[in-house]
Amino acid sequence: MTDSRAAKDGVGRLYLVSTPIGNLEDITLRALRVLREADIVACEDTRQTQKLLNHFEIEKRMVSYHEHNEITRGAELVIEMEGGASVALASDAGTPVLSDPGHHLVTLCLRHQIPVIPIPGPSAALAALAASGLPIEEFAFVGFLPARARDRRKKLEGLRDERRTLIFYEAPHRIAEMLRDAAEILGARSAVVAREITKIHEEFLRGTLPELAAQAANHSPRGEITVLVGPATPETIADPDAALAAVLSLSARVAQLERDEGLDHKAALKQAARERGLNKREAYKRLLLER
């Protein structure tokens, strides 16, 4: 059944409309048509979606649909669709439902036998994955990690042995902490920080997790951020601490051992030196140079 038929046969439908993640030229012709033909556009932020509709000269009734009102608003939208209305659900950017509100509405529609129709389009996760250079045969989309450090580290611990490429979304004010935790728990895996995809300041930062964590600690990336982490290798699974230590500076490794293992400075320096095959004098001299 075509979209035009769906709009005329009196049967309500939910359309999941993917919208640009930055460059407005990325919107599809089908997405524009569905937005024009829909009776209602439900969106996370009406101000953001209004900019998109204005750009393409689309006048439409809009209602807000976000994590704080999805239970009540979802029921209201289902009533509209049961009356024959077509609803286009749009995120602020990208594909609805993926790390955005919408799953509750989808399940509610299916429960009421209302057709749910995806309108494919931009996705930051897939765009970043395609350009990452990391293995793409198998991947796992994780989305946003918990904001609380304790919960975030627990989630990462569960991914320690994951042999698929991992895809995360992260907020710029938490990216430095997220990369630091990922480096400590997942080890020295290859990784990519993709920011502002399709926008003017699009950038891909590549390296190991510890290297990217060190960069973020000195200069935190800004904008919309997608983080990709390569699969675990036998080396990182067998001894993630050794893999991480190999790329950390001596002073960073000492600080890590003091913080995580509870060692005093002398004991931490001794262990870090032993990992690198350094004697006490060489280790102390290198530590002074790094400072």
Protein backbone atom coordinates (compact mmCIF):
# COMPACT_ATOMS: atom_id res chain seq x y z
CA MET A 1 0.00 0.00 0.00
CA THR A 2 1.42 3.39 -0.98
CA ASP A 3 1.65 6.43 1.31
CA SER A 4 -0.91 8.31 -0.81
CA ARG A 5 -3.41 5.47 -0.51
CA ALA A 6 -2.81 5.40 3.25
CA ALA A 7 -3.61 9.09 3.48
CA LYS A 8 -6.95 8.68 1.65
CA ASP A 9 -8.47 5.40 2.76
CA GLY A 10 -9.59 6.61 6.18
CA VAL A 11 -7.23 4.32 8.07
CA GLY A 12 -4.95 6.10 10.52
CA ARG A 13 -1.24 5.40 10.38
CA LEU A 14 1.95 6.27 12.21
CA TYR A 15 4.91 7.34 10.06
CA LEU A 16 8.40 7.34 11.56
CA VAL A 17 10.03 10.14 9.60
CA SER A 18 13.82 10.41 9.59
CA THR A 19 15.01 14.02 9.44
CA PRO A 20 18.45 15.55 8.68
CA ILE A 21 21.12 15.31 11.38
CA GLY A 22 22.69 18.54 10.18
CA ASN A 23 22.63 19.16 6.45
CA LEU A 24 19.06 19.86 5.33
CA GLU A 25 19.83 18.51 1.85
CA ASP A 26 19.81 15.03 3.35
CA ILE A 27 16.03 14.90 3.73
CA THR A 28 14.34 12.51 1.32
CA LEU A 29 11.59 13.36 -1.15
CA ARG A 30 9.38 10.76 0.50
CA ALA A 31 9.92 12.31 3.95
CA LEU A 32 8.88 15.71 2.60
CA ARG A 33 5.76 14.26 1.02
CA VAL A 34 4.74 12.45 4.19
CA LEU A 35 5.27 15.58 6.27
CA ARG A 36 3.07 17.54 3.83
CA GLU A 37 0.32 14.91 3.75
CA ALA A 38 0.23 14.03 7.46
CA ASP A 39 -2.59 15.39 9.58
CA ILE A 40 -0.34 15.80 12.60
CA VAL A 41 3.41 16.09 13.08
CA ALA A 42 4.46 14.84 16.51
CA CYS A 43 7.95 15.93 17.49
CA GLU A 44 10.34 16.06 20.41
CA ASP A 45 10.87 19.83 20.19
CA THR A 46 8.26 21.77 18.21
CA ARG A 47 10.63 24.74 17.85
CA GLN A 48 13.30 22.61 16.20
CA THR A 49 10.89 20.84 13.86
CA GLN A 50 9.21 24.14 13.00
CA LYS A 51 12.54 25.34 11.56
CA LEU A 52 12.63 22.29 9.31
CA LEU A 53 9.02 22.73 8.17
CA ASN A 54 9.55 26.45 7.56
CA HIS A 55 12.61 25.75 5.43
CA PHE A 56 10.58 23.51 3.13
CA GLU A 57 7.47 25.74 3.32
CA ILE A 58 5.30 23.16 5.06
CA GLU A 59 2.45 24.31 7.27
CA LYS A 60 1.27 21.63 9.62
CA ARG A 61 -0.39 21.09 12.98
CA MET A 62 2.33 20.07 15.43
CA VAL A 63 2.16 18.51 18.87
CA SER A 64 4.99 17.82 21.30
CA TYR A 65 5.91 14.23 22.03
CA HIS A 66 8.83 13.70 24.41
CA GLU A 67 9.96 11.53 27.30
CA HIS A 68 8.01 13.59 29.87
CA ASN A 69 4.60 13.36 28.18
CA GLU A 70 4.81 10.22 26.01
CA ILE A 71 2.37 8.20 28.13
CA THR A 72 -0.51 10.69 27.96
CA ARG A 73 0.33 12.11 24.53
CA GLY A 74 0.75 8.63 23.08
CA ALA A 75 -2.80 7.73 24.09
CA GLU A 76 -4.10 10.98 22.58
CA LEU A 77 -2.34 10.30 19.28
CA VAL A 78 -3.71 6.76 19.12
CA ILE A 79 -7.24 8.13 19.52
CA GLU A 80 -6.55 10.51 16.62
CA MET A 81 -5.26 7.66 14.45
CA GLU A 82 -8.19 5.43 15.33
CA GLY A 83 -10.32 8.26 13.98
CA GLY A 84 -8.44 8.13 10.67
CA ALA A 85 -5.68 10.69 11.21
CA SER A 86 -2.18 10.11 9.88
CA VAL A 87 0.61 11.06 12.30
CA ALA A 88 4.23 11.73 11.34
CA LEU A 89 6.62 11.23 14.26
CA ALA A 90 9.89 13.13 13.87
CA SER A 91 12.91 13.45 16.14
CA ASP A 92 14.91 16.64 16.46
CA ALA A 93 17.40 14.95 14.12
CA GLY A 94 17.90 11.49 12.69
CA THR A 95 15.70 8.43 12.97
CA PRO A 96 12.89 8.41 15.57
CA VAL A 97 12.87 5.81 18.37
CA LEU A 98 16.67 5.22 18.27
CA SER A 99 17.85 6.88 21.52
CA ASP A 100 14.81 9.14 21.18
CA PRO A 101 11.18 8.96 22.35
CA GLY A 102 8.85 6.86 20.22
CA HIS A 103 9.08 3.22 21.27
CA HIS A 104 6.04 3.54 23.56
CA LEU A 105 3.97 5.04 20.74
CA VAL A 106 5.04 2.32 18.30
CA THR A 107 4.07 -0.49 20.68
CA LEU A 108 0.80 1.27 21.48
CA CYS A 109 -0.07 1.54 17.79
CA LEU A 110 0.73 -2.11 17.16
CA ARG A 111 -1.43 -3.09 20.13
CA HIS A 112 -4.32 -1.18 18.56
CA GLN A 113 -3.57 -2.61 15.10
CA ILE A 114 -2.55 0.75 13.69
CA PRO A 115 0.05 0.38 10.89
CA VAL A 116 3.52 1.73 11.64
CA ILE A 117 5.46 2.80 8.55
CA PRO A 118 9.17 3.73 8.64
CA ILE A 119 10.39 6.52 6.37
CA PRO A 120 14.15 5.79 6.20
CA GLY A 121 16.74 8.51 6.16
CA PRO A 122 19.69 10.01 8.05
CA SER A 123 21.17 8.21 11.04
CA ALA A 124 24.25 9.48 12.89
CA ALA A 125 25.10 5.95 14.03
CA LEU A 126 25.19 4.43 10.54
CA ALA A 127 26.87 7.44 8.94
CA ALA A 128 29.63 7.37 11.55
CA LEU A 129 30.02 3.60 11.25
CA ALA A 130 30.38 3.72 7.47
CA ALA A 131 33.17 6.33 7.65
CA SER A 132 34.88 4.99 10.77
CA GLY A 133 37.21 2.45 9.17
CA LEU A 134 36.38 0.02 11.98
CA PRO A 135 35.01 -3.51 11.33
CA ILE A 136 31.37 -3.24 10.26
CA GLU A 137 30.42 -6.86 9.62
CA GLU A 138 28.87 -6.99 13.09
CA PHE A 139 28.11 -4.07 15.37
CA ALA A 140 26.06 -3.26 18.45
CA PHE A 141 24.23 0.03 18.95
CA VAL A 142 24.44 0.98 22.64
CA GLY A 143 23.19 4.56 22.48
CA PHE A 144 23.70 6.81 25.49
CA LEU A 145 25.49 5.38 28.49
CA PRO A 146 24.12 6.23 31.97
CA ALA A 147 25.03 9.72 33.17
CA ARG A 148 26.09 8.56 36.63
CA ALA A 149 29.71 7.38 36.68
CA ARG A 150 28.96 4.26 38.73
CA ASP A 151 26.19 3.12 36.39
CA ARG A 152 28.21 4.03 33.31
CA ARG A 153 31.19 1.96 34.43
CA LYS A 154 28.91 -0.98 35.25
CA LYS A 155 27.46 -0.85 31.74
CA LEU A 156 30.94 -0.74 30.21
CA GLU A 157 32.03 -3.69 32.35
CA GLY A 158 29.27 -5.70 30.70
CA LEU A 159 30.77 -4.84 27.30
CA ARG A 160 34.35 -5.78 28.16
CA ASP A 161 34.32 -9.02 26.16
CA GLU A 162 32.16 -7.70 23.30
CA ARG A 163 33.65 -8.71 19.93
CA ARG A 164 31.48 -6.44 17.82
CA THR A 165 32.08 -2.78 17.01
CA LEU A 166 30.22 -0.67 19.58
CA ILE A 167 28.34 2.53 18.77
CA PHE A 168 27.59 5.11 21.46
CA TYR A 169 26.01 8.53 21.55
CA GLU A 170 27.40 10.96 24.11
CA ALA A 171 26.82 14.52 25.27
CA PRO A 172 29.78 16.92 24.93
CA HIS A 173 29.87 17.71 28.66
CA ARG A 174 30.33 13.99 29.47
CA ILE A 175 32.55 12.86 26.59
CA ALA A 176 35.86 13.21 28.49
CA GLU A 177 34.59 11.10 31.41
CA MET A 178 33.02 8.54 29.09
CA LEU A 179 36.24 8.07 27.09
CA ARG A 180 38.31 7.85 30.27
CA ASP A 181 36.05 5.13 31.69
CA ALA A 182 35.95 3.28 28.35
CA ALA A 183 39.76 3.35 28.10
CA GLU A 184 40.18 1.99 31.61
CA ILE A 185 37.58 -0.76 31.25
CA LEU A 186 37.73 -1.75 27.57
CA GLY A 187 41.47 -1.29 27.09
CA ALA A 188 43.46 0.00 24.14
CA ARG A 189 40.94 -0.72 21.41
CA SER A 190 40.80 1.25 18.19
CA ALA A 191 38.12 3.92 18.40
CA VAL A 192 36.64 6.90 16.58
CA VAL A 193 34.99 10.05 17.89
CA ALA A 194 32.73 11.46 15.17
CA ARG A 195 31.26 14.88 15.82
CA GLU A 196 28.94 17.24 13.96
CA ILE A 197 28.33 14.69 11.18
CA THR A 198 27.07 16.33 7.94
CA LYS A 199 27.58 19.81 9.45
CA ILE A 200 30.19 22.45 8.61
CA HIS A 201 32.54 21.41 11.40
CA GLU A 202 32.27 17.66 10.80
CA GLU A 203 35.28 15.87 12.28
CA PHE A 204 36.48 12.29 12.79
CA LEU A 205 39.08 11.74 15.51
CA ARG A 206 40.78 8.34 15.29
CA GLY A 207 43.11 6.50 17.64
CA THR A 208 43.03 4.14 20.58
CA LEU A 209 40.64 4.73 23.46
CA PRO A 210 43.43 5.94 25.76
CA GLU A 211 44.73 8.31 23.10
CA LEU A 212 41.27 9.76 22.49
CA ALA A 213 40.66 9.98 26.24
CA ALA A 214 43.86 11.98 26.65
CA GLN A 215 42.85 14.33 23.82
CA ALA A 216 39.39 14.86 25.31
CA ALA A 217 40.85 15.57 28.74
CA ASN A 218 42.85 18.45 27.25
CA HIS A 219 40.27 19.65 24.74
CA SER A 220 36.76 18.23 24.98
CA PRO A 221 35.00 17.84 21.59
CA ARG A 222 31.82 19.87 21.14
CA GLY A 223 28.60 19.33 19.26
CA GLU A 224 26.68 16.14 18.51
CA ILE A 225 29.00 13.20 19.20
CA THR A 226 29.03 9.55 18.15
CA VAL A 227 31.70 7.26 19.60
CA LEU A 228 32.66 3.99 17.93
CA VAL A 229 34.82 1.38 19.64
CA GLY A 230 36.39 -1.50 17.76
CA PRO A 231 35.91 -5.15 18.75
CA ALA A 232 37.71 -6.70 21.69
CA THR A 233 40.83 -8.63 20.72
CA PRO A 234 42.32 -11.65 22.51
CA GLU A 235 44.96 -9.31 23.95
CA THR A 236 42.51 -6.79 25.44
CA ILE A 237 40.26 -9.57 26.75
CA ALA A 238 43.15 -11.47 28.31
CA ASP A 239 44.79 -8.48 29.95
CA PRO A 240 43.01 -5.16 29.43
CA ASP A 241 45.19 -3.44 32.03
CA ALA A 242 48.37 -4.35 30.20
CA ALA A 243 46.93 -3.22 26.87
CA LEU A 244 45.92 0.10 28.38
CA ALA A 245 49.23 0.58 30.18
CA ALA A 246 51.10 0.17 26.91
CA VAL A 247 49.71 3.43 25.55
CA LEU A 248 49.28 5.46 28.71
CA SER A 249 52.07 7.80 29.75
CA LEU A 250 53.98 6.65 32.81
CA SER A 251 52.53 9.43 34.96
CA ALA A 252 48.98 8.62 33.79
CA ARG A 253 49.50 4.94 34.60
CA VAL A 254 50.84 5.81 38.06
CA ALA A 255 47.84 8.05 38.72
CA GLN A 256 45.50 5.28 37.53
CA LEU A 257 47.07 2.70 39.85
CA GLU A 258 46.86 5.12 42.78
CA ARG A 259 43.21 5.81 42.06
CA ASP A 260 41.93 2.36 41.10
CA GLU A 261 44.23 0.02 43.04
CA GLY A 262 44.68 2.18 46.13
CA LEU A 263 48.49 2.00 45.87
CA ASP A 264 50.67 4.70 47.34
CA HIS A 265 52.83 6.70 44.94
CA LYS A 266 55.96 4.60 45.46
CA ALA A 267 54.19 1.27 44.93
CA ALA A 268 52.29 2.59 41.89
CA LEU A 269 55.52 3.84 40.29
CA LYS A 270 57.21 0.48 40.97
CA GLN A 271 54.38 -1.46 39.27
CA ALA A 272 54.17 0.92 36.29
CA ALA A 273 57.96 0.67 35.83
CA ARG A 274 57.85 -3.12 35.96
CA GLU A 275 55.13 -3.17 33.25
CA ARG A 276 57.44 -1.18 31.00
CA GLY A 277 60.64 -3.02 31.83
CA LEU A 278 62.20 0.05 33.48
CA ASN A 279 64.42 0.11 36.53
CA LYS A 280 63.70 2.48 39.41
CA ARG A 281 66.11 5.21 38.26
CA GLU A 282 64.85 5.16 34.63
CA ALA A 283 61.24 5.29 35.75
CA TYR A 284 61.83 8.22 38.07
CA LYS A 285 63.72 10.12 35.36
CA ARG A 286 60.91 9.56 32.84
CA LEU A 287 58.32 10.62 35.38
CA LEU A 288 60.15 13.92 35.92
CA LEU A 289 60.37 14.51 32.15
CA GLU A 290 56.63 13.92 31.70
CA ARG A 291 55.86 16.48 34.36
